[in-house]
C-alpha atoms as a PDB file:
ATOM      1  CA  MET A   1     136.060 125.902  20.797  1.00  0.00           C
ATOM      2  CA  HIS A   2     136.790 122.239  21.357  1.00  0.00           C
ATOM      3  CA  ASP A   3     135.291 120.432  24.318  1.00  0.00           C
ATOM      4  CA  VAL A   4     137.433 118.946  27.094  1.00  0.00           C
ATOM      5  CA  LEU A   5     135.785 115.585  26.383  1.00  0.00           C
ATOM      6  CA  ALA A   6     137.735 115.552  23.145  1.00  0.00           C
ATOM      7  CA  LEU A   7     140.943 115.238  25.222  1.00  0.00           C
ATOM      8  CA  GLU A   8     139.887 112.197  27.236  1.00  0.00           C
ATOM      9  CA  PRO A   9     139.955 109.642  24.371  1.00  0.00           C
ATOM     10  CA  TRP A  10     143.607 110.519  23.802  1.00  0.00           C
ATOM     11  CA  ILE A  11     144.559 109.050  27.188  1.00  0.00           C
ATOM     12  CA  ASP A  12     144.026 105.446  26.016  1.00  0.00           C
ATOM     13  CA  ILE A  13     145.830 106.172  22.755  1.00  0.00           C
ATOM     14  CA  LEU A  14     148.816 107.748  24.491  1.00  0.00           C
ATOM     15  CA  GLU A  15     149.157 105.012  27.106  1.00  0.00           C
ATOM     16  CA  ALA A  16     149.318 102.478  24.255  1.00  0.00           C
ATOM     17  CA  ALA A  17     151.758 104.652  22.276  1.00  0.00           C
ATOM     18  CA  LEU A  18     154.443 104.636  24.977  1.00  0.00           C
ATOM     19  CA  PRO A  19     157.062 102.109  23.802  1.00  0.00           C
ATOM     20  CA  ALA A  20     158.215  99.544  26.355  1.00  0.00           C
ATOM     21  CA  ASP A  21     161.789 100.838  26.125  1.00  0.00           C
ATOM     22  CA  GLN A  22     160.835 104.477  26.836  1.00  0.00           C
ATOM     23  CA  ASN A  23     160.370 106.183  30.187  1.00  0.00           C
ATOM     24  CA  GLY A  24     158.159 108.874  28.694  1.00  0.00           C
ATOM     25  CA  LEU A  25     156.900 110.990  25.830  1.00  0.00           C
ATOM     26  CA  LEU A  26     156.211 114.674  25.373  1.00  0.00           C
ATOM     27  CA  VAL A  27     152.926 114.940  23.474  1.00  0.00           C
ATOM     28  CA  ARG A  28     151.410 117.607  21.285  1.00  0.00           C
ATOM     29  CA  LEU A  29     148.061 117.771  19.538  1.00  0.00           C
ATOM     30  CA  ALA A  30     147.920 120.324  16.733  1.00  0.00           C
ATOM     31  CA  TRP A  31     145.765 121.366  13.831  1.00  0.00           C
ATOM     32  CA  PRO A  32     147.578 120.793  10.545  1.00  0.00           C
ATOM     33  CA  ASP A  33     145.727 123.610   8.765  1.00  0.00           C
ATOM     34  CA  ASP A  34     146.676 127.278   9.126  1.00  0.00           C
ATOM     35  CA  ASP A  35     143.416 128.505  10.633  1.00  0.00           C
ATOM     36  CA  CYS A  36     143.329 125.790  13.333  1.00  0.00           C
ATOM     37  CA  SER A  37     139.680 125.031  12.643  1.00  0.00           C
ATOM     38  CA  GLY A  38     139.831 121.751  10.727  1.00  0.00           C
ATOM     39  CA  GLY A  39     138.547 118.431  12.004  1.00  0.00           C
ATOM     40  CA  ASP A  40     141.904 116.684  11.627  1.00  0.00           C
ATOM     41  CA  VAL A  41     144.312 116.600  14.546  1.00  0.00           C
ATOM     42  CA  GLU A  42     148.017 115.958  14.212  1.00  0.00           C
ATOM     43  CA  LEU A  43     149.660 113.921  16.984  1.00  0.00           C
ATOM     44  CA  GLY A  44     153.315 114.567  17.768  1.00  0.00           C
ATOM     45  CA  LEU A  45     155.364 112.381  20.134  1.00  0.00           C
ATOM     46  CA  LEU A  46     158.860 113.214  21.376  1.00  0.00           C
ATOM     47  CA  PRO A  47     160.599 110.405  23.313  1.00  0.00           C
ATOM     48  CA  LEU A  48     162.143 111.691  26.530  1.00  0.00           C
ATOM     49  CA  ASP A  49     165.105 109.283  26.228  1.00  0.00           C
ATOM     50  CA  GLY A  50     165.969 109.712  29.906  1.00  0.00           C
ATOM     51  CA  VAL A  51     165.656 113.522  29.835  1.00  0.00           C
ATOM     52  CA  HIS A  52     163.477 114.946  32.596  1.00  0.00           C
ATOM     53  CA  PRO A  53     160.416 116.625  31.049  1.00  0.00           C
ATOM     54  CA  ALA A  54     161.097 119.814  33.043  1.00  0.00           C
ATOM     55  CA  GLU A  55     164.281 120.299  31.005  1.00  0.00           C
ATOM     56  CA  LEU A  56     162.241 120.355  27.790  1.00  0.00           C
ATOM     57  CA  LEU A  57     159.347 122.424  29.103  1.00  0.00           C
ATOM     58  CA  ASP A  58     161.159 125.111  31.116  1.00  0.00           C
ATOM     59  CA  GLY A  59     160.988 128.298  29.048  1.00  0.00           C
ATOM     60  CA  PHE A  60     159.194 126.588  26.142  1.00  0.00           C
ATOM     61  CA  ASP A  61     156.406 128.480  24.355  1.00  0.00           C
ATOM     62  CA  ALA A  62     154.027 126.178  22.438  1.00  0.00           C
ATOM     63  CA  PRO A  63     153.186 127.357  18.902  1.00  0.00           C
ATOM     64  CA  ASP A  64     149.671 128.736  18.400  1.00  0.00           C
ATOM     65  CA  GLU A  65     148.531 125.773  16.292  1.00  0.00           C
ATOM     66  CA  TRP A  66     149.183 123.402  19.187  1.00  0.00           C
ATOM     67  CA  TRP A  67     145.788 122.600  20.647  1.00  0.00           C
ATOM     68  CA  ALA A  68     147.085 120.558  23.593  1.00  0.00           C
ATOM     69  CA  LEU A  69     150.365 119.644  25.255  1.00  0.00           C
ATOM     70  CA  GLY A  70     151.028 116.773  27.616  1.00  0.00           C
ATOM     71  CA  LEU A  71     153.157 113.964  28.959  1.00  0.00           C
ATOM     72  CA  VAL A  72     153.036 110.197  29.230  1.00  0.00           C
ATOM     73  CA  THR A  73     155.560 108.969  31.790  1.00  0.00           C
ATOM     74  CA  ARG A  74     156.450 105.789  33.634  1.00  0.00           C
ATOM     75  CA  GLY A  75     157.352 105.784  37.271  1.00  0.00           C
ATOM     76  CA  TRP A  76     156.924 104.013  40.577  1.00  0.00           C
ATOM     77  CA  ALA A  77     154.165 104.155  43.173  1.00  0.00           C
ATOM     78  CA  SER A  78     154.467 102.787  46.683  1.00  0.00           C
ATOM     79  CA  PRO A  79     153.030 103.173  50.164  1.00  0.00           C
ATOM     80  CA  MET A  80     153.923 106.431  51.922  1.00  0.00           C
ATOM     81  CA  GLY A  81     157.024 106.341  54.054  1.00  0.00           C
ATOM     82  CA  PRO A  82     160.664 107.318  54.261  1.00  0.00           C
ATOM     83  CA  THR A  83     161.725 104.995  51.413  1.00  0.00           C
ATOM     84  CA  ARG A  84     161.780 106.308  47.847  1.00  0.00           C
ATOM     85  CA  PRO A  85     159.011 104.701  45.753  1.00  0.00           C
ATOM     86  CA  SER A  86     161.557 103.154  43.374  1.00  0.00           C
ATOM     87  CA  GLN A  87     163.304 101.458  46.329  1.00  0.00           C
ATOM     88  CA  HIS A  88     160.250 100.361  48.305  1.00  0.00           C
ATOM     89  CA  PRO A  89     159.630  96.571  48.378  1.00  0.00           C
ATOM     90  CA  GLY A  90     155.901  97.209  47.770  1.00  0.00           C
ATOM     91  CA  ARG A  91     156.485  99.371  44.695  1.00  0.00           C
ATOM     92  CA  ARG A  92     154.356  99.110  41.568  1.00  0.00           C
ATOM     93  CA  ARG A  93     155.113 100.351  38.069  1.00  0.00           C
ATOM     94  CA  VAL A  94     152.672 103.062  36.896  1.00  0.00           C
ATOM     95  CA  THR A  95     152.080 105.153  33.807  1.00  0.00           C
ATOM     96  CA  THR A  96     150.753 108.680  34.197  1.00  0.00           C
ATOM     97  CA  THR A  97     149.236 110.614  31.314  1.00  0.00           C
ATOM     98  CA  VAL A  98     148.270 114.304  31.402  1.00  0.00           C
ATOM     99  CA  LEU A  99     147.001 116.607  28.655  1.00  0.00           C
ATOM    100  CA  LEU A 100     146.382 120.345  28.924  1.00  0.00           C
ATOM    101  CA  ASP A 101     144.541 122.340  26.269  1.00  0.00           C
ATOM    102  CA  ARG A 102     144.676 126.051  25.382  1.00  0.00           C
ATOM    103  CA  ALA A 103     141.640 126.795  27.537  1.00  0.00           C
ATOM    104  CA  GLY A 104     143.490 125.439  30.585  1.00  0.00           C
ATOM    105  CA  ARG A 105     141.457 122.235  30.823  1.00  0.00           C
ATOM    106  CA  LEU A 106     143.450 119.316  32.161  1.00  0.00           C
ATOM    107  CA  VAL A 107     142.740 115.591  31.860  1.00  0.00           C
ATOM    108  CA  GLY A 108     144.799 112.676  33.083  1.00  0.00           C
ATOM    109  CA  ARG A 109     145.036 109.223  34.546  1.00  0.00           C
ATOM    110  CA  THR A 110     147.528 107.021  36.384  1.00  0.00           C
ATOM    111  CA  VAL A 111     147.373 103.281  35.696  1.00  0.00           C
ATOM    112  CA  GLY A 112     149.318 100.337  37.066  1.00  0.00           C
ATOM    113  CA  ASP A 113     151.244  98.023  34.781  1.00  0.00           C
ATOM    114  CA  ASP A 114     148.365  95.548  35.122  1.00  0.00           C
ATOM    115  CA  GLY A 115     145.879  98.121  33.748  1.00  0.00           C
ATOM    116  CA  THR A 116     144.346  98.991  37.115  1.00  0.00           C
ATOM    117  CA  VAL A 117     143.356 102.659  37.248  1.00  0.00           C
ATOM    118  CA  TRP A 118     144.980 104.155  40.340  1.00  0.00           C
ATOM    119  CA  ILE A 119     143.963 107.770  39.800  1.00  0.00           C
ATOM    120  CA  ASP A 120     141.228 108.739  37.354  1.00  0.00           C
ATOM    121  CA  GLY A 121     141.965 112.401  36.790  1.00  0.00           C
ATOM    122  CA  PRO A 122     144.956 114.665  36.470  1.00  0.00           C
ATOM    123  CA  PRO A 123     147.212 115.922  39.239  1.00  0.00           C
ATOM    124  CA  SER A 124     145.931 119.328  40.332  1.00  0.00           C
ATOM    125  CA  GLU A 125     149.341 120.828  40.903  1.00  0.00           C
ATOM    126  CA  GLY A 126     153.052 120.205  40.659  1.00  0.00           C
ATOM    127  CA  GLU A 127     156.069 121.481  38.778  1.00  0.00           C
ATOM    128  CA  LEU A 128     155.287 119.692  35.507  1.00  0.00           C
ATOM    129  CA  ILE A 129     151.689 120.930  35.511  1.00  0.00           C
ATOM    130  CA  ARG A 130     152.984 124.460  36.107  1.00  0.00           C
ATOM    131  CA  LEU A 131     155.421 124.120  33.196  1.00  0.00           C
ATOM    132  CA  LEU A 132     152.727 122.733  30.881  1.00  0.00           C
ATOM    133  CA  ARG A 133     150.475 125.685  31.768  1.00  0.00           C
ATOM    134  CA  GLN A 134     153.299 128.144  31.213  1.00  0.00           C
ATOM    135  CA  ALA A 135     154.107 126.654  27.786  1.00  0.00           C
ATOM    136  CA  MET A 136     150.480 126.863  26.683  1.00  0.00           C
ATOM    137  CA  GLU A 137     149.910 130.417  27.936  1.00  0.00           C
ATOM    138  CA  GLY A 138     152.198 131.798  25.231  1.00  0.00           C
ATOM    139  CA  GLY A 139     149.668 131.095  22.483  1.00  0.00           C
ATOM    140  CA  SER A 140     145.984 131.725  22.192  1.00  0.00           C
ATOM    141  CA  MET A 141     142.993 129.443  21.784  1.00  0.00           C
ATOM    142  CA  PRO A 142     141.831 129.695  18.176  1.00  0.00           C
END
């Protein structure tokens, strides 16, 4: 079984892989060989192109050879209050990355557009985390 630490290095890679003109990517890590035991990992990136990730994940069942599934998305962060973060005068642009593996281990990070780490760790709950878990439950950990 692969260690959760093997997921963490992908966060830097995925943050850098998000093109400036994209709001997000759906990410998969898979083994290219049939028995899912090789040392090579295949990275797949699907641009969201304005589609909400929930639309892609709802009802999706990740193939067995997919070792991990995740998202890299851009959004806004702001102080708490009645104003939407994207409309708040104190808003900051952030990128959030999460990866979930077959064993249910989750890693993630939220960084500001200046590289400042806002949250070092994944969100513990939420609709997208639920949908990622649901998609990965369909297969089994090799």
